[in-house]
Amino acid sequence: MDSRELVAWNMRRLRVDRKLSQDKLAELAGVDRTYVSRLERMMENPSIGILDKVAVTLGVSIAELFAPPSAEDQKPKPLKAGRRPKVVE
């Protein structure tokens, strides 16, 4: 895997593990949702600043975004599709 693939793999894995949608990750990291999507699809080359924002939001170091998956690791499954209904109080 090249660096862009590693970042995409790990971003999605960590995001799904934390049950964060792309929308929520983008909001918390202060980046556009479509940018998060493009990073996970390996369509963008993120800056160190963006990687830092994403890593801090996910609660990991930047180095973890570049960690190669082990042989047993399977591709992260997506979260359930669709937006969650808004809670009206």
N, C-alpha and C. Protein backbone atom coordinates (compact mmCIF):
# COMPACT_ATOMS: atom_id res chain seq x y z
N MET A 1 0.84 -1.19 0.00
CA MET A 1 0.00 0.00 0.00
C MET A 1 0.88 1.25 0.00
N ASP A 2 0.47 2.24 -0.77
CA ASP A 2 1.19 3.51 -0.72
C ASP A 2 0.59 4.38 0.40
N SER A 3 1.19 5.52 0.64
CA SER A 3 0.78 6.38 1.76
C SER A 3 -0.68 6.82 1.65
N ARG A 4 -1.12 7.16 0.46
CA ARG A 4 -2.50 7.60 0.30
C ARG A 4 -3.48 6.47 0.64
N GLU A 5 -3.15 5.24 0.24
CA GLU A 5 -3.99 4.09 0.58
C GLU A 5 -4.01 3.84 2.08
N LEU A 6 -2.85 3.97 2.72
CA LEU A 6 -2.77 3.76 4.17
C LEU A 6 -3.62 4.78 4.92
N VAL A 7 -3.52 6.05 4.51
CA VAL A 7 -4.31 7.09 5.17
C VAL A 7 -5.80 6.80 4.97
N ALA A 8 -6.21 6.47 3.75
CA ALA A 8 -7.62 6.19 3.47
C ALA A 8 -8.11 5.01 4.30
N TRP A 9 -7.34 3.92 4.33
CA TRP A 9 -7.70 2.71 5.08
C TRP A 9 -7.87 3.03 6.56
N ASN A 10 -6.86 3.69 7.12
CA ASN A 10 -6.87 3.96 8.56
C ASN A 10 -7.90 5.01 8.96
N MET A 11 -8.11 6.02 8.14
CA MET A 11 -9.14 7.01 8.44
C MET A 11 -10.50 6.34 8.54
N ARG A 12 -10.81 5.53 7.55
CA ARG A 12 -12.11 4.87 7.55
C ARG A 12 -12.22 3.89 8.71
N ARG A 13 -11.18 3.11 8.96
CA ARG A 13 -11.19 2.12 10.06
C ARG A 13 -11.43 2.83 11.39
N LEU A 14 -10.67 3.88 11.64
CA LEU A 14 -10.79 4.60 12.90
C LEU A 14 -12.14 5.31 13.02
N ARG A 15 -12.60 5.89 11.93
CA ARG A 15 -13.89 6.58 11.93
C ARG A 15 -15.03 5.61 12.22
N VAL A 16 -15.02 4.47 11.55
CA VAL A 16 -16.07 3.47 11.74
C VAL A 16 -15.99 2.88 13.15
N ASP A 17 -14.78 2.61 13.64
CA ASP A 17 -14.61 2.10 15.02
C ASP A 17 -15.24 3.04 16.04
N ARG A 18 -15.16 4.34 15.76
CA ARG A 18 -15.70 5.34 16.68
C ARG A 18 -17.14 5.72 16.35
N LYS A 19 -17.70 5.01 15.37
CA LYS A 19 -19.09 5.23 14.94
C LYS A 19 -19.36 6.69 14.56
N LEU A 20 -18.39 7.27 13.86
CA LEU A 20 -18.54 8.63 13.36
C LEU A 20 -18.89 8.60 11.88
N SER A 21 -19.87 9.38 11.49
CA SER A 21 -20.15 9.52 10.06
C SER A 21 -19.09 10.44 9.46
N GLN A 22 -19.02 10.45 8.14
CA GLN A 22 -18.10 11.38 7.48
C GLN A 22 -18.50 12.81 7.82
N ASP A 23 -19.80 13.07 7.89
CA ASP A 23 -20.29 14.41 8.25
C ASP A 23 -19.77 14.83 9.62
N LYS A 24 -19.90 13.93 10.60
CA LYS A 24 -19.50 14.27 11.97
C LYS A 24 -17.99 14.45 12.08
N LEU A 25 -17.23 13.56 11.44
CA LEU A 25 -15.77 13.69 11.45
C LEU A 25 -15.36 15.02 10.84
N ALA A 26 -15.96 15.35 9.71
CA ALA A 26 -15.64 16.61 9.04
C ALA A 26 -15.98 17.81 9.92
N GLU A 27 -17.14 17.77 10.54
CA GLU A 27 -17.56 18.87 11.41
C GLU A 27 -16.59 19.04 12.58
N LEU A 28 -16.25 17.94 13.24
CA LEU A 28 -15.36 18.00 14.41
C LEU A 28 -13.94 18.41 14.03
N ALA A 29 -13.50 18.00 12.83
CA ALA A 29 -12.14 18.32 12.39
C ALA A 29 -12.04 19.68 11.72
N GLY A 30 -13.19 20.26 11.39
CA GLY A 30 -13.17 21.57 10.72
C GLY A 30 -12.80 21.50 9.26
N VAL A 31 -13.20 20.41 8.59
CA VAL A 31 -12.96 20.28 7.15
C VAL A 31 -14.29 19.95 6.47
N ASP A 32 -14.33 20.05 5.17
CA ASP A 32 -15.54 19.77 4.42
C ASP A 32 -15.81 18.28 4.35
N ARG A 33 -17.09 17.89 4.42
CA ARG A 33 -17.46 16.48 4.37
C ARG A 33 -17.03 15.82 3.05
N THR A 34 -17.16 16.56 1.96
CA THR A 34 -16.76 15.97 0.68
C THR A 34 -15.26 15.72 0.65
N TYR A 35 -14.50 16.54 1.38
CA TYR A 35 -13.05 16.34 1.46
C TYR A 35 -12.73 15.05 2.21
N VAL A 36 -13.45 14.80 3.31
CA VAL A 36 -13.26 13.55 4.05
C VAL A 36 -13.57 12.37 3.13
N SER A 37 -14.65 12.46 2.40
CA SER A 37 -15.02 11.40 1.46
C SER A 37 -13.93 11.19 0.41
N ARG A 38 -13.42 12.27 -0.13
CA ARG A 38 -12.37 12.16 -1.15
C ARG A 38 -11.08 11.59 -0.58
N LEU A 39 -10.77 11.90 0.69
CA LEU A 39 -9.59 11.30 1.32
C LEU A 39 -9.77 9.79 1.46
N GLU A 40 -10.94 9.38 1.90
CA GLU A 40 -11.20 7.94 2.08
C GLU A 40 -11.25 7.19 0.74
N ARG A 41 -11.50 7.91 -0.33
CA ARG A 41 -11.51 7.27 -1.66
C ARG A 41 -10.20 7.49 -2.42
N MET A 42 -9.20 8.01 -1.72
CA MET A 42 -7.85 8.21 -2.26
C MET A 42 -7.83 9.17 -3.45
N MET A 43 -8.69 10.18 -3.40
CA MET A 43 -8.76 11.15 -4.48
C MET A 43 -8.05 12.45 -4.14
N GLU A 44 -7.58 12.60 -2.90
CA GLU A 44 -6.91 13.81 -2.46
C GLU A 44 -5.58 13.47 -1.80
N ASN A 45 -4.67 14.42 -1.84
CA ASN A 45 -3.41 14.34 -1.10
C ASN A 45 -3.49 15.36 0.02
N PRO A 46 -3.75 14.89 1.25
CA PRO A 46 -3.94 15.84 2.34
C PRO A 46 -2.64 16.48 2.79
N SER A 47 -2.76 17.69 3.31
CA SER A 47 -1.60 18.37 3.90
C SER A 47 -1.39 17.81 5.31
N ILE A 48 -0.23 18.10 5.87
CA ILE A 48 0.06 17.70 7.24
C ILE A 48 -0.94 18.34 8.19
N GLY A 49 -1.33 19.57 7.91
CA GLY A 49 -2.31 20.26 8.75
C GLY A 49 -3.65 19.53 8.80
N ILE A 50 -4.12 19.07 7.65
CA ILE A 50 -5.38 18.32 7.58
C ILE A 50 -5.23 17.00 8.31
N LEU A 51 -4.12 16.29 8.07
CA LEU A 51 -3.90 15.02 8.76
C LEU A 51 -3.87 15.22 10.27
N ASP A 52 -3.27 16.32 10.72
CA ASP A 52 -3.22 16.61 12.14
C ASP A 52 -4.63 16.82 12.70
N LYS A 53 -5.46 17.59 12.00
CA LYS A 53 -6.83 17.82 12.44
C LYS A 53 -7.61 16.51 12.54
N VAL A 54 -7.48 15.68 11.52
CA VAL A 54 -8.19 14.41 11.50
C VAL A 54 -7.69 13.49 12.62
N ALA A 55 -6.38 13.41 12.80
CA ALA A 55 -5.81 12.56 13.84
C ALA A 55 -6.26 13.00 15.23
N VAL A 56 -6.21 14.30 15.49
CA VAL A 56 -6.65 14.82 16.80
C VAL A 56 -8.12 14.49 17.01
N THR A 57 -8.94 14.68 16.01
CA THR A 57 -10.36 14.39 16.12
C THR A 57 -10.61 12.91 16.40
N LEU A 58 -9.81 12.04 15.78
CA LEU A 58 -9.96 10.60 15.99
C LEU A 58 -9.25 10.11 17.26
N GLY A 59 -8.49 11.00 17.89
CA GLY A 59 -7.81 10.65 19.14
C GLY A 59 -6.58 9.78 18.95
N VAL A 60 -5.89 9.96 17.82
CA VAL A 60 -4.69 9.17 17.54
C VAL A 60 -3.56 10.11 17.10
N SER A 61 -2.37 9.56 16.98
CA SER A 61 -1.26 10.34 16.43
C SER A 61 -1.31 10.24 14.91
N ILE A 62 -0.67 11.18 14.26
CA ILE A 62 -0.59 11.13 12.79
C ILE A 62 0.03 9.81 12.33
N ALA A 63 1.00 9.32 13.08
CA ALA A 63 1.67 8.06 12.70
C ALA A 63 0.68 6.92 12.54
N GLU A 64 -0.38 6.91 13.35
CA GLU A 64 -1.35 5.81 13.24
C GLU A 64 -2.09 5.84 11.91
N LEU A 65 -2.19 7.01 11.29
CA LEU A 65 -2.84 7.09 9.98
C LEU A 65 -2.01 6.42 8.90
N PHE A 66 -0.72 6.20 9.18
CA PHE A 66 0.18 5.56 8.21
C PHE A 66 0.52 4.13 8.58
N ALA A 67 -0.10 3.59 9.64
CA ALA A 67 0.21 2.22 10.08
C ALA A 67 -0.34 1.21 9.09
N PRO A 68 0.50 0.28 8.62
CA PRO A 68 0.00 -0.73 7.69
C PRO A 68 -0.91 -1.72 8.41
N PRO A 69 -1.97 -2.18 7.73
CA PRO A 69 -2.85 -3.16 8.34
C PRO A 69 -2.14 -4.51 8.46
N SER A 70 -2.55 -5.28 9.45
CA SER A 70 -1.99 -6.63 9.58
C SER A 70 -2.65 -7.53 8.54
N ALA A 71 -2.09 -8.70 8.35
CA ALA A 71 -2.60 -9.64 7.34
C ALA A 71 -4.04 -10.05 7.64
N GLU A 72 -4.43 -10.05 8.93
CA GLU A 72 -5.78 -10.48 9.31
C GLU A 72 -6.82 -9.38 9.16
N ASP A 73 -6.38 -8.13 9.07
CA ASP A 73 -7.32 -7.01 9.00
C ASP A 73 -8.13 -7.06 7.72
N GLN A 74 -9.44 -6.87 7.89
CA GLN A 74 -10.33 -6.82 6.75
C GLN A 74 -10.69 -5.36 6.48
N LYS A 75 -11.09 -5.10 5.25
CA LYS A 75 -11.48 -3.74 4.89
C LYS A 75 -12.61 -3.29 5.81
N PRO A 76 -12.50 -2.07 6.35
CA PRO A 76 -13.55 -1.59 7.26
C PRO A 76 -14.90 -1.53 6.55
N LYS A 77 -15.93 -2.01 7.24
CA LYS A 77 -17.27 -1.96 6.69
C LYS A 77 -17.85 -0.57 6.92
N PRO A 78 -18.70 -0.11 6.01
CA PRO A 78 -19.29 1.22 6.19
C PRO A 78 -20.31 1.21 7.32
N LEU A 79 -20.58 2.39 7.84
CA LEU A 79 -21.65 2.54 8.81
C LEU A 79 -22.98 2.39 8.09
N LYS A 80 -24.04 2.18 8.84
CA LYS A 80 -25.37 2.10 8.27
C LYS A 80 -25.66 3.37 7.48
N ALA A 81 -26.18 3.21 6.29
CA ALA A 81 -26.44 4.35 5.40
C ALA A 81 -27.57 5.22 5.93
N GLY A 82 -27.54 6.44 5.52
CA GLY A 82 -28.61 7.38 5.87
C GLY A 82 -28.26 8.23 7.06
N ARG A 83 -28.96 9.31 7.15
CA ARG A 83 -28.73 10.23 8.26
C ARG A 83 -29.62 9.83 9.43
N ARG A 84 -29.10 10.05 10.62
CA ARG A 84 -29.87 9.77 11.82
C ARG A 84 -30.93 10.86 11.98
N PRO A 85 -32.10 10.47 12.45
CA PRO A 85 -33.13 11.49 12.66
C PRO A 85 -32.72 12.45 13.77
N LYS A 86 -33.11 13.70 13.63
CA LYS A 86 -32.81 14.69 14.66
C LYS A 86 -33.69 14.43 15.87
N VAL A 87 -33.10 14.59 17.02
CA VAL A 87 -33.83 14.42 18.28
C VAL A 87 -34.47 15.75 18.63
N VAL A 88 -35.77 15.75 18.80
CA VAL A 88 -36.50 16.95 19.16
C VAL A 88 -36.78 16.88 20.65
N GLU A 89 -36.32 17.90 21.36
CA GLU A 89 -36.51 17.91 22.82
C GLU A 89 -37.65 18.79 23.21
